[in-house]
PDB file of N, CA and C in Angstrom:
ATOM      1  N   UNK A   1      52.110  52.163  68.808  1.00  0.00           N
ATOM      2  CA  UNK A   1      52.547  51.761  69.848  1.00  0.00           C
ATOM      3  C   UNK A   1      51.587  51.889  71.376  1.00  0.00           C
ATOM      4  N   UNK A   2      51.635  50.556  72.070  1.00  0.00           N
ATOM      5  CA  UNK A   2      51.292  50.586  73.328  1.00  0.00           C
ATOM      6  C   UNK A   2      52.266  51.417  74.241  1.00  0.00           C
ATOM      7  N   UNK A   3      51.400  51.831  75.193  1.00  0.00           N
ATOM      8  CA  UNK A   3      52.505  52.472  76.443  1.00  0.00           C
ATOM      9  C   UNK A   3      52.534  51.996  77.283  1.00  0.00           C
ATOM     10  N   UNK A   4      54.199  51.440  77.743  1.00  0.00           N
ATOM     11  CA  UNK A   4      54.371  50.612  78.123  1.00  0.00           C
ATOM     12  C   UNK A   4      55.001  50.946  79.841  1.00  0.00           C
ATOM     13  N   UNK A   5      55.018  52.185  79.695  1.00  0.00           N
ATOM     14  CA  UNK A   5      55.579  53.036  80.882  1.00  0.00           C
ATOM     15  C   UNK A   5      54.121  52.530  82.279  1.00  0.00           C
ATOM     16  N   UNK A   6      54.779  52.483  83.047  1.00  0.00           N
ATOM     17  CA  UNK A   6      53.968  52.098  84.121  1.00  0.00           C
ATOM     18  C   UNK A   6      53.534  53.161  85.508  1.00  0.00           C
ATOM     19  N   UNK A   7      52.651  53.844  85.646  1.00  0.00           N
ATOM     20  CA  UNK A   7      52.622  55.343  86.320  1.00  0.00           C
ATOM     21  C   UNK A   7      51.612  54.855  87.546  1.00  0.00           C
ATOM     22  N   UNK A   8      51.632  53.565  87.750  1.00  0.00           N
ATOM     23  CA  UNK A   8      50.826  53.077  89.030  1.00  0.00           C
ATOM     24  C   UNK A   8      51.730  53.006  90.047  1.00  0.00           C
ATOM     25  N   UNK A   9      51.344  53.423  91.426  1.00  0.00           N
ATOM     26  CA  UNK A   9      52.041  53.540  92.604  1.00  0.00           C
ATOM     27  C   UNK A   9      52.392  52.083  92.902  1.00  0.00           C
ATOM     28  N   UNK A  10      53.876  51.854  93.621  1.00  0.00           N
ATOM     29  CA  UNK A  10      53.726  50.342  94.162  1.00  0.00           C
ATOM     30  C   UNK A  10      53.034  50.457  95.069  1.00  0.00           C
ATOM     31  N   UNK A  11      52.108  49.111  95.381  1.00  0.00           N
ATOM     32  CA  UNK A  11      51.437  48.824  96.232  1.00  0.00           C
ATOM     33  C   UNK A  11      52.127  48.919  97.627  1.00  0.00           C
ATOM     34  N   UNK A  12      51.105  49.250  98.976  1.00  0.00           N
ATOM     35  CA  UNK A  12      52.135  49.337 100.366  1.00  0.00           C
ATOM     36  C   UNK A  12      51.572  48.366 101.256  1.00  0.00           C
ATOM     37  N   UNK A  13      51.837  47.927 102.138  1.00  0.00           N
ATOM     38  CA  UNK A  13      51.675  46.699 103.007  1.00  0.00           C
ATOM     39  C   UNK A  13      52.271  47.326 104.646  1.00  0.00           C
ATOM     40  N   UNK A  14      51.284  47.068 105.497  1.00  0.00           N
ATOM     41  CA  UNK A  14      52.364  47.359 107.165  1.00  0.00           C
ATOM     42  C   UNK A  14      53.297  45.964 107.132  1.00  0.00           C
ATOM     43  N   UNK A  15      54.073  46.733 107.716  1.00  0.00           N
ATOM     44  CA  UNK A  15      55.431  45.881 108.104  1.00  0.00           C
ATOM     45  C   UNK A  15      55.853  44.916 109.544  1.00  0.00           C
ATOM     46  N   UNK A  16      55.482  44.339 109.187  1.00  0.00           N
ATOM     47  CA  UNK A  16      54.901  43.023 110.498  1.00  0.00           C
ATOM     48  C   UNK A  16      54.467  43.945 111.558  1.00  0.00           C
ATOM     49  N   UNK A  17      54.674  43.879 112.702  1.00  0.00           N
ATOM     50  CA  UNK A  17      53.926  44.308 114.024  1.00  0.00           C
ATOM     51  C   UNK A  17      54.228  45.859 114.126  1.00  0.00           C
ATOM     52  N   UNK A  18      55.070  46.727 113.078  1.00  0.00           N
ATOM     53  CA  UNK A  18      55.311  48.158 113.038  1.00  0.00           C
ATOM     54  C   UNK A  18      53.971  48.794 113.206  1.00  0.00           C
ATOM     55  N   UNK A  19      53.269  48.649 112.347  1.00  0.00           N
ATOM     56  CA  UNK A  19      52.176  49.322 112.274  1.00  0.00           C
ATOM     57  C   UNK A  19      52.469  50.434 111.037  1.00  0.00           C
ATOM     58  N   UNK A  20      53.783  50.412 110.266  1.00  0.00           N
ATOM     59  CA  UNK A  20      53.577  51.466 109.635  1.00  0.00           C
ATOM     60  C   UNK A  20      53.592  50.587 107.870  1.00  0.00           C
ATOM     61  N   UNK A  21      53.410  51.649 107.325  1.00  0.00           N
ATOM     62  CA  UNK A  21      53.114  50.777 105.913  1.00  0.00           C
ATOM     63  C   UNK A  21      54.199  51.663 105.127  1.00  0.00           C
ATOM     64  N   UNK A  22      54.794  50.454 103.920  1.00  0.00           N
ATOM     65  CA  UNK A  22      55.886  51.043 103.439  1.00  0.00           C
ATOM     66  C   UNK A  22      55.224  50.165 102.138  1.00  0.00           C
ATOM     67  N   UNK A  23      56.656  50.496 101.006  1.00  0.00           N
ATOM     68  CA  UNK A  23      56.213  50.079  99.614  1.00  0.00           C
ATOM     69  C   UNK A  23      56.372  48.097  99.695  1.00  0.00           C
ATOM     70  N   UNK A  24      56.086  47.385  98.963  1.00  0.00           N
ATOM     71  CA  UNK A  24      56.088  45.739  99.039  1.00  0.00           C
ATOM     72  C   UNK A  24      57.695  45.980  98.429  1.00  0.00           C
ATOM     73  N   UNK A  25      58.260  46.810  97.910  1.00  0.00           N
ATOM     74  CA  UNK A  25      59.615  46.416  97.400  1.00  0.00           C
ATOM     75  C   UNK A  25      60.533  47.575  98.217  1.00  0.00           C
ATOM     76  N   UNK A  26      61.726  46.907  98.356  1.00  0.00           N
ATOM     77  CA  UNK A  26      62.669  47.707  99.322  1.00  0.00           C
ATOM     78  C   UNK A  26      64.055  47.883  98.219  1.00  0.00           C
ATOM     79  N   UNK A  27      64.779  48.689  98.588  1.00  0.00           N
ATOM     80  CA  UNK A  27      66.097  48.712  98.390  1.00  0.00           C
ATOM     81  C   UNK A  27      66.862  48.476  99.231  1.00  0.00           C
ATOM     82  N   UNK A  28      67.875  47.585  98.998  1.00  0.00           N
ATOM     83  CA  UNK A  28      69.155  46.793 100.105  1.00  0.00           C
ATOM     84  C   UNK A  28      70.189  47.707  99.695  1.00  0.00           C
ATOM     85  N   UNK A  29      71.339  48.007 100.413  1.00  0.00           N
ATOM     86  CA  UNK A  29      72.442  48.795 100.150  1.00  0.00           C
ATOM     87  C   UNK A  29      73.606  47.959  99.934  1.00  0.00           C
ATOM     88  N   UNK A  30      73.612  46.911  99.846  1.00  0.00           N
ATOM     89  CA  UNK A  30      74.867  46.164  99.740  1.00  0.00           C
ATOM     90  C   UNK A  30      75.202  46.526  98.672  1.00  0.00           C
ATOM     91  N   UNK A  31      74.749  46.179  97.617  1.00  0.00           N
ATOM     92  CA  UNK A  31      74.880  46.720  96.182  1.00  0.00           C
ATOM     93  C   UNK A  31      75.609  48.267  95.619  1.00  0.00           C
ATOM     94  N   UNK A  32      75.596  48.801  96.573  1.00  0.00           N
ATOM     95  CA  UNK A  32      75.663  50.180  96.071  1.00  0.00           C
ATOM     96  C   UNK A  32      77.212  50.497  96.628  1.00  0.00           C
ATOM     97  N   UNK A  33      78.237  49.633  97.609  1.00  0.00           N
ATOM     98  CA  UNK A  33      79.435  49.493  97.726  1.00  0.00           C
ATOM     99  C   UNK A  33      80.207  48.826  96.465  1.00  0.00           C
ATOM    100  N   UNK A  34      79.705  48.116  95.693  1.00  0.00           N
ATOM    101  CA  UNK A  34      80.168  47.525  94.478  1.00  0.00           C
ATOM    102  C   UNK A  34      79.786  48.175  93.067  1.00  0.00           C
ATOM    103  N   UNK A  35      79.314  49.203  93.649  1.00  0.00           N
ATOM    104  CA  UNK A  35      79.162  49.901  92.170  1.00  0.00           C
ATOM    105  C   UNK A  35      80.348  50.791  91.086  1.00  0.00           C
ATOM    106  N   UNK A  36      80.785  51.009  90.187  1.00  0.00           N
ATOM    107  CA  UNK A  36      81.928  51.798  90.026  1.00  0.00           C
ATOM    108  C   UNK A  36      81.963  53.106  90.515  1.00  0.00           C
ATOM    109  N   UNK A  37      80.523  53.655  90.014  1.00  0.00           N
ATOM    110  CA  UNK A  37      80.594  55.261  90.703  1.00  0.00           C
ATOM    111  C   UNK A  37      79.736  55.925  91.467  1.00  0.00           C
ATOM    112  N   UNK A  38      80.192  56.191  92.201  1.00  0.00           N
ATOM    113  CA  UNK A  38      79.648  56.774  93.824  1.00  0.00           C
ATOM    114  C   UNK A  38      78.361  57.428  93.339  1.00  0.00           C
ATOM    115  N   UNK A  39      78.641  58.170  91.986  1.00  0.00           N
ATOM    116  CA  UNK A  39      77.322  58.970  91.665  1.00  0.00           C
ATOM    117  C   UNK A  39      76.104  58.331  91.328  1.00  0.00           C
ATOM    118  N   UNK A  40      76.349  57.070  90.193  1.00  0.00           N
ATOM    119  CA  UNK A  40      75.689  56.656  89.781  1.00  0.00           C
ATOM    120  C   UNK A  40      74.780  55.598  91.372  1.00  0.00           C
ATOM    121  N   UNK A  41      75.572  55.215  92.607  1.00  0.00           N
ATOM    122  CA  UNK A  41      74.900  54.668  93.395  1.00  0.00           C
ATOM    123  C   UNK A  41      73.755  55.670  93.720  1.00  0.00           C
ATOM    124  N   UNK A  42      74.281  56.493  94.220  1.00  0.00           N
ATOM    125  CA  UNK A  42      73.707  57.895  94.749  1.00  0.00           C
ATOM    126  C   UNK A  42      72.279  58.206  94.223  1.00  0.00           C
ATOM    127  N   UNK A  43      72.270  57.951  92.847  1.00  0.00           N
ATOM    128  CA  UNK A  43      71.447  58.180  91.436  1.00  0.00           C
ATOM    129  C   UNK A  43      70.173  57.200  91.901  1.00  0.00           C
ATOM    130  N   UNK A  44      70.670  55.884  92.122  1.00  0.00           N
ATOM    131  CA  UNK A  44      69.707  54.586  92.062  1.00  0.00           C
ATOM    132  C   UNK A  44      68.807  55.112  93.375  1.00  0.00           C
ATOM    133  N   UNK A  45      69.551  55.332  94.929  1.00  0.00           N
ATOM    134  CA  UNK A  45      68.878  55.209  95.507  1.00  0.00           C
ATOM    135  C   UNK A  45      67.965  56.739  95.636  1.00  0.00           C
ATOM    136  N   UNK A  46      68.093  57.946  95.070  1.00  0.00           N
ATOM    137  CA  UNK A  46      67.212  58.721  94.782  1.00  0.00           C
ATOM    138  C   UNK A  46      66.348  58.319  93.655  1.00  0.00           C
ATOM    139  N   UNK A  47      66.743  57.609  93.058  1.00  0.00           N
ATOM    140  CA  UNK A  47      65.603  57.186  91.688  1.00  0.00           C
ATOM    141  C   UNK A  47      64.421  56.192  92.457  1.00  0.00           C
ATOM    142  N   UNK A  48      64.796  55.382  93.147  1.00  0.00           N
ATOM    143  CA  UNK A  48      64.240  54.268  93.980  1.00  0.00           C
ATOM    144  C   UNK A  48      63.226  55.142  94.831  1.00  0.00           C
ATOM    145  N   UNK A  49      63.549  56.212  95.864  1.00  0.00           N
ATOM    146  CA  UNK A  49      62.585  57.178  96.524  1.00  0.00           C
ATOM    147  C   UNK A  49      61.820  57.632  95.484  1.00  0.00           C
ATOM    148  N   UNK A  50      62.372  58.527  94.579  1.00  0.00           N
ATOM    149  CA  UNK A  50      61.247  59.035  93.602  1.00  0.00           C
ATOM    150  C   UNK A  50      60.536  58.277  92.927  1.00  0.00           C
ATOM    151  N   UNK A  51      60.532  57.052  92.961  1.00  0.00           N
ATOM    152  CA  UNK A  51      59.978  55.936  92.285  1.00  0.00           C
ATOM    153  C   UNK A  51      58.587  55.560  93.138  1.00  0.00           C
ATOM    154  N   UNK A  52      58.809  55.594  94.243  1.00  0.00           N
ATOM    155  CA  UNK A  52      58.153  55.009  95.462  1.00  0.00           C
ATOM    156  C   UNK A  52      58.471  54.211  96.600  1.00  0.00           C
ATOM    157  N   UNK A  53      59.465  53.862  96.021  1.00  0.00           N
ATOM    158  CA  UNK A  53      60.116  53.150  96.978  1.00  0.00           C
ATOM    159  C   UNK A  53      60.500  53.402  98.603  1.00  0.00           C
ATOM    160  N   UNK A  54      59.895  52.871  99.635  1.00  0.00           N
ATOM    161  CA  UNK A  54      59.871  53.451 100.798  1.00  0.00           C
ATOM    162  C   UNK A  54      60.764  52.940 101.748  1.00  0.00           C
ATOM    163  N   UNK A  55      61.714  51.616 101.952  1.00  0.00           N
ATOM    164  CA  UNK A  55      61.914  50.837 102.221  1.00  0.00           C
ATOM    165  C   UNK A  55      63.773  50.887 102.278  1.00  0.00           C
ATOM    166  N   UNK A  56      64.294  51.184 102.988  1.00  0.00           N
ATOM    167  CA  UNK A  56      65.590  50.682 102.632  1.00  0.00           C
ATOM    168  C   UNK A  56      66.494  50.251 104.042  1.00  0.00           C
ATOM    169  N   UNK A  57      67.184  49.115 103.250  1.00  0.00           N
ATOM    170  CA  UNK A  57      67.931  48.264 104.418  1.00  0.00           C
ATOM    171  C   UNK A  57      69.511  48.145 103.981  1.00  0.00           C
ATOM    172  N   UNK A  58      70.198  48.251 105.112  1.00  0.00           N
ATOM    173  CA  UNK A  58      71.445  48.824 104.637  1.00  0.00           C
ATOM    174  C   UNK A  58      72.284  47.501 106.385  1.00  0.00           C
ATOM    175  N   UNK A  59      73.636  47.563 106.022  1.00  0.00           N
ATOM    176  CA  UNK A  59      74.017  47.051 107.307  1.00  0.00           C
ATOM    177  C   UNK A  59      75.292  47.866 107.345  1.00  0.00           C
ATOM    178  N   UNK A  60      76.154  47.619 108.531  1.00  0.00           N
ATOM    179  CA  UNK A  60      77.140  48.408 108.954  1.00  0.00           C
ATOM    180  C   UNK A  60      78.479  47.765 108.365  1.00  0.00           C
ATOM    181  N   UNK A  61      78.215  46.364 108.089  1.00  0.00           N
ATOM    182  CA  UNK A  61      79.716  46.008 107.333  1.00  0.00           C
ATOM    183  C   UNK A  61      80.032  46.079 106.072  1.00  0.00           C
ATOM    184  N   UNK A  62      78.408  46.029 105.426  1.00  0.00           N
ATOM    185  CA  UNK A  62      78.827  46.152 103.707  1.00  0.00           C
ATOM    186  C   UNK A  62      79.980  47.137 103.484  1.00  0.00           C
ATOM    187  N   UNK A  63      80.695  47.025 102.919  1.00  0.00           N
ATOM    188  CA  UNK A  63      81.886  47.212 102.023  1.00  0.00           C
ATOM    189  C   UNK A  63      82.071  48.254 103.223  1.00  0.00           C
ATOM    190  N   UNK A  64      82.706  47.932 104.399  1.00  0.00           N
ATOM    191  CA  UNK A  64      83.319  48.487 105.392  1.00  0.00           C
ATOM    192  C   UNK A  64      82.634  50.003 105.383  1.00  0.00           C
ATOM    193  N   UNK A  65      81.202  49.989 105.288  1.00  0.00           N
ATOM    194  CA  UNK A  65      80.736  51.262 105.699  1.00  0.00           C
ATOM    195  C   UNK A  65      79.920  51.857 104.541  1.00  0.00           C
ATOM    196  N   UNK A  66      80.374  51.881 103.327  1.00  0.00           N
ATOM    197  CA  UNK A  66      80.621  52.249 102.443  1.00  0.00           C
ATOM    198  C   UNK A  66      79.104  52.555 101.829  1.00  0.00           C
ATOM    199  N   UNK A  67      78.486  51.164 101.717  1.00  0.00           N
ATOM    200  CA  UNK A  67      77.275  51.239 101.242  1.00  0.00           C
ATOM    201  C   UNK A  67      76.493  52.063 102.479  1.00  0.00           C
ATOM    202  N   UNK A  68      76.449  52.394 103.552  1.00  0.00           N
ATOM    203  CA  UNK A  68      75.851  53.215 104.457  1.00  0.00           C
ATOM    204  C   UNK A  68      76.173  54.998 103.684  1.00  0.00           C
ATOM    205  N   UNK A  69      77.498  54.991 103.724  1.00  0.00           N
ATOM    206  CA  UNK A  69      77.834  56.484 103.457  1.00  0.00           C
ATOM    207  C   UNK A  69      76.892  56.921 102.174  1.00  0.00           C
ATOM    208  N   UNK A  70      76.984  56.129 100.936  1.00  0.00           N
ATOM    209  CA  UNK A  70      76.557  56.376  99.728  1.00  0.00           C
ATOM    210  C   UNK A  70      74.796  56.725 100.078  1.00  0.00           C
ATOM    211  N   UNK A  71      74.103  55.525 100.633  1.00  0.00           N
ATOM    212  CA  UNK A  71      72.541  55.633 100.924  1.00  0.00           C
ATOM    213  C   UNK A  71      72.642  56.996 101.988  1.00  0.00           C
ATOM    214  N   UNK A  72      73.243  56.901 103.102  1.00  0.00           N
ATOM    215  CA  UNK A  72      73.482  58.423 103.724  1.00  0.00           C
ATOM    216  C   UNK A  72      73.380  59.698 102.403  1.00  0.00           C
ATOM    217  N   UNK A  73      73.891  59.630 101.849  1.00  0.00           N
ATOM    218  CA  UNK A  73      74.426  61.194 100.961  1.00  0.00           C
ATOM    219  C   UNK A  73      73.014  61.323  99.925  1.00  0.00           C
ATOM    220  N   UNK A  74      72.486  59.910  99.367  1.00  0.00           N
ATOM    221  CA  UNK A  74      71.538  59.829  98.666  1.00  0.00           C
ATOM    222  C   UNK A  74      70.502  60.796  99.227  1.00  0.00           C
ATOM    223  N   UNK A  75      70.048  60.072 100.653  1.00  0.00           N
ATOM    224  CA  UNK A  75      68.861  60.484 101.208  1.00  0.00           C
ATOM    225  C   UNK A  75      68.818  62.108 101.690  1.00  0.00           C
ATOM    226  N   UNK A  76      70.139  62.271 102.145  1.00  0.00           N
ATOM    227  CA  UNK A  76      70.647  63.575 102.318  1.00  0.00           C
ATOM    228  C   UNK A  76      70.274  65.133 101.350  1.00  0.00           C
ATOM    229  N   UNK A  77      70.545  64.528  99.791  1.00  0.00           N
ATOM    230  CA  UNK A  77      70.287  65.360  98.813  1.00  0.00           C
ATOM    231  C   UNK A  77      69.126  65.610  99.030  1.00  0.00           C
ATOM    232  N   UNK A  78      68.567  66.423  98.803  1.00  0.00           N
ATOM    233  CA  UNK A  78      66.691  66.530  98.227  1.00  0.00           C
ATOM    234  C   UNK A  78      66.127  66.121  99.288  1.00  0.00           C
ATOM    235  N   UNK A  79      66.500  65.990 100.891  1.00  0.00           N
ATOM    236  CA  UNK A  79      65.755  65.639 101.841  1.00  0.00           C
ATOM    237  C   UNK A  79      64.801  64.820 101.851  1.00  0.00           C
ATOM    238  N   UNK A  80      65.425  63.454 101.699  1.00  0.00           N
ATOM    239  CA  UNK A  80      64.325  62.148 101.063  1.00  0.00           C
ATOM    240  C   UNK A  80      64.285  61.406 102.491  1.00  0.00           C
ATOM    241  N   UNK A  81      65.088  61.671 103.171  1.00  0.00           N
ATOM    242  CA  UNK A  81      65.329  60.939 104.869  1.00  0.00           C
ATOM    243  C   UNK A  81      63.640  60.768 105.036  1.00  0.00           C
ATOM    244  N   UNK A  82      63.261  61.709 104.978  1.00  0.00           N
ATOM    245  CA  UNK A  82      61.815  61.696 105.537  1.00  0.00           C
ATOM    246  C   UNK A  82      60.615  60.891 104.875  1.00  0.00           C
ATOM    247  N   UNK A  83      61.181  60.435 103.647  1.00  0.00           N
ATOM    248  CA  UNK A  83      60.214  59.554 102.693  1.00  0.00           C
ATOM    249  C   UNK A  83      60.546  58.267 103.078  1.00  0.00           C
ATOM    250  N   UNK A  84      61.521  57.741 103.900  1.00  0.00           N
ATOM    251  CA  UNK A  84      61.502  56.299 104.128  1.00  0.00           C
ATOM    252  C   UNK A  84      61.611  55.414 104.962  1.00  0.00           C
ATOM    253  N   UNK A  85      61.176  54.494 105.450  1.00  0.00           N
ATOM    254  CA  UNK A  85      61.758  53.675 106.564  1.00  0.00           C
ATOM    255  C   UNK A  85      62.866  53.269 106.419  1.00  0.00           C
ATOM    256  N   UNK A  86      63.950  53.466 107.145  1.00  0.00           N
ATOM    257  CA  UNK A  86      65.043  53.140 107.097  1.00  0.00           C
ATOM    258  C   UNK A  86      65.710  51.994 108.215  1.00  0.00           C
ATOM    259  N   UNK A  87      66.355  50.912 107.934  1.00  0.00           N
ATOM    260  CA  UNK A  87      66.986  50.113 108.724  1.00  0.00           C
ATOM    261  C   UNK A  87      68.063  49.808 108.471  1.00  0.00           C
ATOM    262  N   UNK A  88      68.852  49.686 109.423  1.00  0.00           N
ATOM    263  CA  UNK A  88      70.419  49.021 108.974  1.00  0.00           C
ATOM    264  C   UNK A  88      70.448  47.758 110.458  1.00  0.00           C
ATOM    265  N   UNK A  89      71.628  47.131 109.998  1.00  0.00           N
ATOM    266  CA  UNK A  89      72.120  46.132 110.914  1.00  0.00           C
ATOM    267  C   UNK A  89      73.424  46.422 111.719  1.00  0.00           C
ATOM    268  N   UNK A  90      73.614  46.085 112.734  1.00  0.00           N
ATOM    269  CA  UNK A  90      74.497  46.434 113.845  1.00  0.00           C
ATOM    270  C   UNK A  90      75.468  44.570 113.400  1.00  0.00           C
ATOM    271  N   UNK A  91      76.506  44.344 113.470  1.00  0.00           N
ATOM    272  CA  UNK A  91      77.343  42.957 113.339  1.00  0.00           C
ATOM    273  C   UNK A  91      78.054  43.237 114.282  1.00  0.00           C
ATOM    274  N   UNK A  92      77.591  43.176 115.753  1.00  0.00           N
ATOM    275  CA  UNK A  92      78.815  42.885 116.346  1.00  0.00           C
ATOM    276  C   UNK A  92      79.345  41.437 116.898  1.00  0.00           C
ATOM    277  N   UNK A  93      78.554  40.497 116.757  1.00  0.00           N
ATOM    278  CA  UNK A  93      78.798  39.190 116.370  1.00  0.00           C
ATOM    279  C   UNK A  93      79.305  38.707 117.846  1.00  0.00           C
ATOM    280  N   UNK A  94      78.456  38.912 118.683  1.00  0.00           N
ATOM    281  CA  UNK A  94      78.069  38.618 120.327  1.00  0.00           C
ATOM    282  C   UNK A  94      79.845  39.323 120.932  1.00  0.00           C
ATOM    283  N   UNK A  95      80.532  40.605 120.445  1.00  0.00           N
ATOM    284  CA  UNK A  95      81.327  41.096 121.106  1.00  0.00           C
ATOM    285  C   UNK A  95      80.795  42.266 122.159  1.00  0.00           C
ATOM    286  N   UNK A  96      79.274  42.577 122.778  1.00  0.00           N
ATOM    287  CA  UNK A  96      79.064  43.607 123.183  1.00  0.00           C
ATOM    288  C   UNK A  96      78.096  44.497 123.247  1.00  0.00           C
ATOM    289  N   UNK A  97      77.738  45.246 123.934  1.00  0.00           N
ATOM    290  CA  UNK A  97      77.140  46.343 124.130  1.00  0.00           C
ATOM    291  C   UNK A  97      78.018  47.390 123.684  1.00  0.00           C
ATOM    292  N   UNK A  98      78.801  47.427 124.032  1.00  0.00           N
ATOM    293  CA  UNK A  98      80.002  48.587 123.433  1.00  0.00           C
ATOM    294  C   UNK A  98      80.032  48.580 122.271  1.00  0.00           C
ATOM    295  N   UNK A  99      80.368  47.174 121.727  1.00  0.00           N
ATOM    296  CA  UNK A  99      80.211  47.138 120.065  1.00  0.00           C
ATOM    297  C   UNK A  99      79.676  47.632 119.360  1.00  0.00           C
ATOM    298  N   UNK A 100      78.332  47.233 119.551  1.00  0.00           N
ATOM    299  CA  UNK A 100      77.183  47.493 119.225  1.00  0.00           C
ATOM    300  C   UNK A 100      76.569  48.803 119.187  1.00  0.00           C
ATOM    301  N   UNK A 101      76.569  49.508 120.001  1.00  0.00           N
ATOM    302  CA  UNK A 101      76.729  51.054 120.598  1.00  0.00           C
ATOM    303  C   UNK A 101      77.544  51.777 119.613  1.00  0.00           C
ATOM    304  N   UNK A 102      78.814  51.346 119.425  1.00  0.00           N
ATOM    305  CA  UNK A 102      79.966  51.946 118.668  1.00  0.00           C
ATOM    306  C   UNK A 102      79.479  51.984 117.112  1.00  0.00           C
ATOM    307  N   UNK A 103      79.088  50.904 116.717  1.00  0.00           N
ATOM    308  CA  UNK A 103      78.554  50.406 115.398  1.00  0.00           C
ATOM    309  C   UNK A 103      77.315  51.402 115.437  1.00  0.00           C
ATOM    310  N   UNK A 104      76.252  51.658 115.909  1.00  0.00           N
ATOM    311  CA  UNK A 104      75.215  51.855 115.781  1.00  0.00           C
ATOM    312  C   UNK A 104      76.025  53.560 115.442  1.00  0.00           C
ATOM    313  N   UNK A 105      76.219  53.958 116.430  1.00  0.00           N
ATOM    314  CA  UNK A 105      76.739  55.940 115.910  1.00  0.00           C
ATOM    315  C   UNK A 105      77.270  55.537 114.829  1.00  0.00           C
ATOM    316  N   UNK A 106      78.262  54.941 114.464  1.00  0.00           N
ATOM    317  CA  UNK A 106      78.796  54.961 113.250  1.00  0.00           C
ATOM    318  C   UNK A 106      78.280  54.887 111.915  1.00  0.00           C
ATOM    319  N   UNK A 107      77.176  53.938 112.288  1.00  0.00           N
ATOM    320  CA  UNK A 107      75.698  53.978 110.810  1.00  0.00           C
ATOM    321  C   UNK A 107      74.871  55.041 111.198  1.00  0.00           C
ATOM    322  N   UNK A 108      74.335  55.812 111.825  1.00  0.00           N
ATOM    323  CA  UNK A 108      74.061  57.213 112.198  1.00  0.00           C
ATOM    324  C   UNK A 108      74.679  58.215 111.231  1.00  0.00           C
ATOM    325  N   UNK A 109      75.841  58.156 111.375  1.00  0.00           N
ATOM    326  CA  UNK A 109      76.921  59.233 111.120  1.00  0.00           C
ATOM    327  C   UNK A 109      76.895  58.911 109.468  1.00  0.00           C
ATOM    328  N   UNK A 110      77.101  58.108 109.380  1.00  0.00           N
ATOM    329  CA  UNK A 110      77.369  57.289 107.626  1.00  0.00           C
ATOM    330  C   UNK A 110      75.929  57.367 107.030  1.00  0.00           C
ATOM    331  N   UNK A 111      74.953  57.552 107.561  1.00  0.00           N
ATOM    332  CA  UNK A 111      73.565  57.531 106.863  1.00  0.00           C
ATOM    333  C   UNK A 111      72.791  58.760 107.403  1.00  0.00           C
ATOM    334  N   UNK A 112      74.122  59.727 107.661  1.00  0.00           N
ATOM    335  CA  UNK A 112      73.306  60.901 107.634  1.00  0.00           C
ATOM    336  C   UNK A 112      71.859  61.641 108.590  1.00  0.00           C
ATOM    337  N   UNK A 113      71.437  60.832 109.423  1.00  0.00           N
ATOM    338  CA  UNK A 113      70.632  60.798 110.373  1.00  0.00           C
ATOM    339  C   UNK A 113      70.747  60.789 111.729  1.00  0.00           C
ATOM    340  N   UNK A 114      69.975  60.953 112.705  1.00  0.00           N
ATOM    341  CA  UNK A 114      69.735  60.605 113.901  1.00  0.00           C
ATOM    342  C   UNK A 114      68.929  59.762 114.725  1.00  0.00           C
ATOM    343  N   UNK A 115      68.368  58.789 113.697  1.00  0.00           N
ATOM    344  CA  UNK A 115      67.125  58.435 114.170  1.00  0.00           C
ATOM    345  C   UNK A 115      67.237  56.869 112.670  1.00  0.00           C
ATOM    346  N   UNK A 116      66.974  55.693 113.061  1.00  0.00           N
ATOM    347  CA  UNK A 116      66.316  54.829 112.433  1.00  0.00           C
ATOM    348  C   UNK A 116      64.912  54.059 112.754  1.00  0.00           C
ATOM    349  N   UNK A 117      64.745  53.423 111.957  1.00  0.00           N
ATOM    350  CA  UNK A 117      63.116  53.438 111.829  1.00  0.00           C
ATOM    351  C   UNK A 117      63.243  51.654 112.434  1.00  0.00           C
ATOM    352  N   UNK A 118      64.027  51.085 111.496  1.00  0.00           N
ATOM    353  CA  UNK A 118      64.250  49.823 112.737  1.00  0.00           C
ATOM    354  C   UNK A 118      65.943  49.439 112.829  1.00  0.00           C
TER     355      UNK A 118
END
């Protein structure tokens, strides 16, 4: 029986005008907040990073912040944060910079990081 396990690394490309090279596949955080098991959600993120996914996307409003919390926990365990290009989105919907800044600080706390890449 032939070996069907693919051990080739995920191809990478420069992300827009950032000059940063990331895997051509990313992991979005929306679905993490829909999973029945928080442990399984954390495992999905960690398996993605361990498998070569380097782009992580999330948003402040995904499941009242639960998606960011789970992604943050997953990246913090095993010190995976420095292995990914992490982005999230504020959802102030035109309510002003104070709202956007508050959301940004909440996102940083939930993602367990002091910076975002985008």
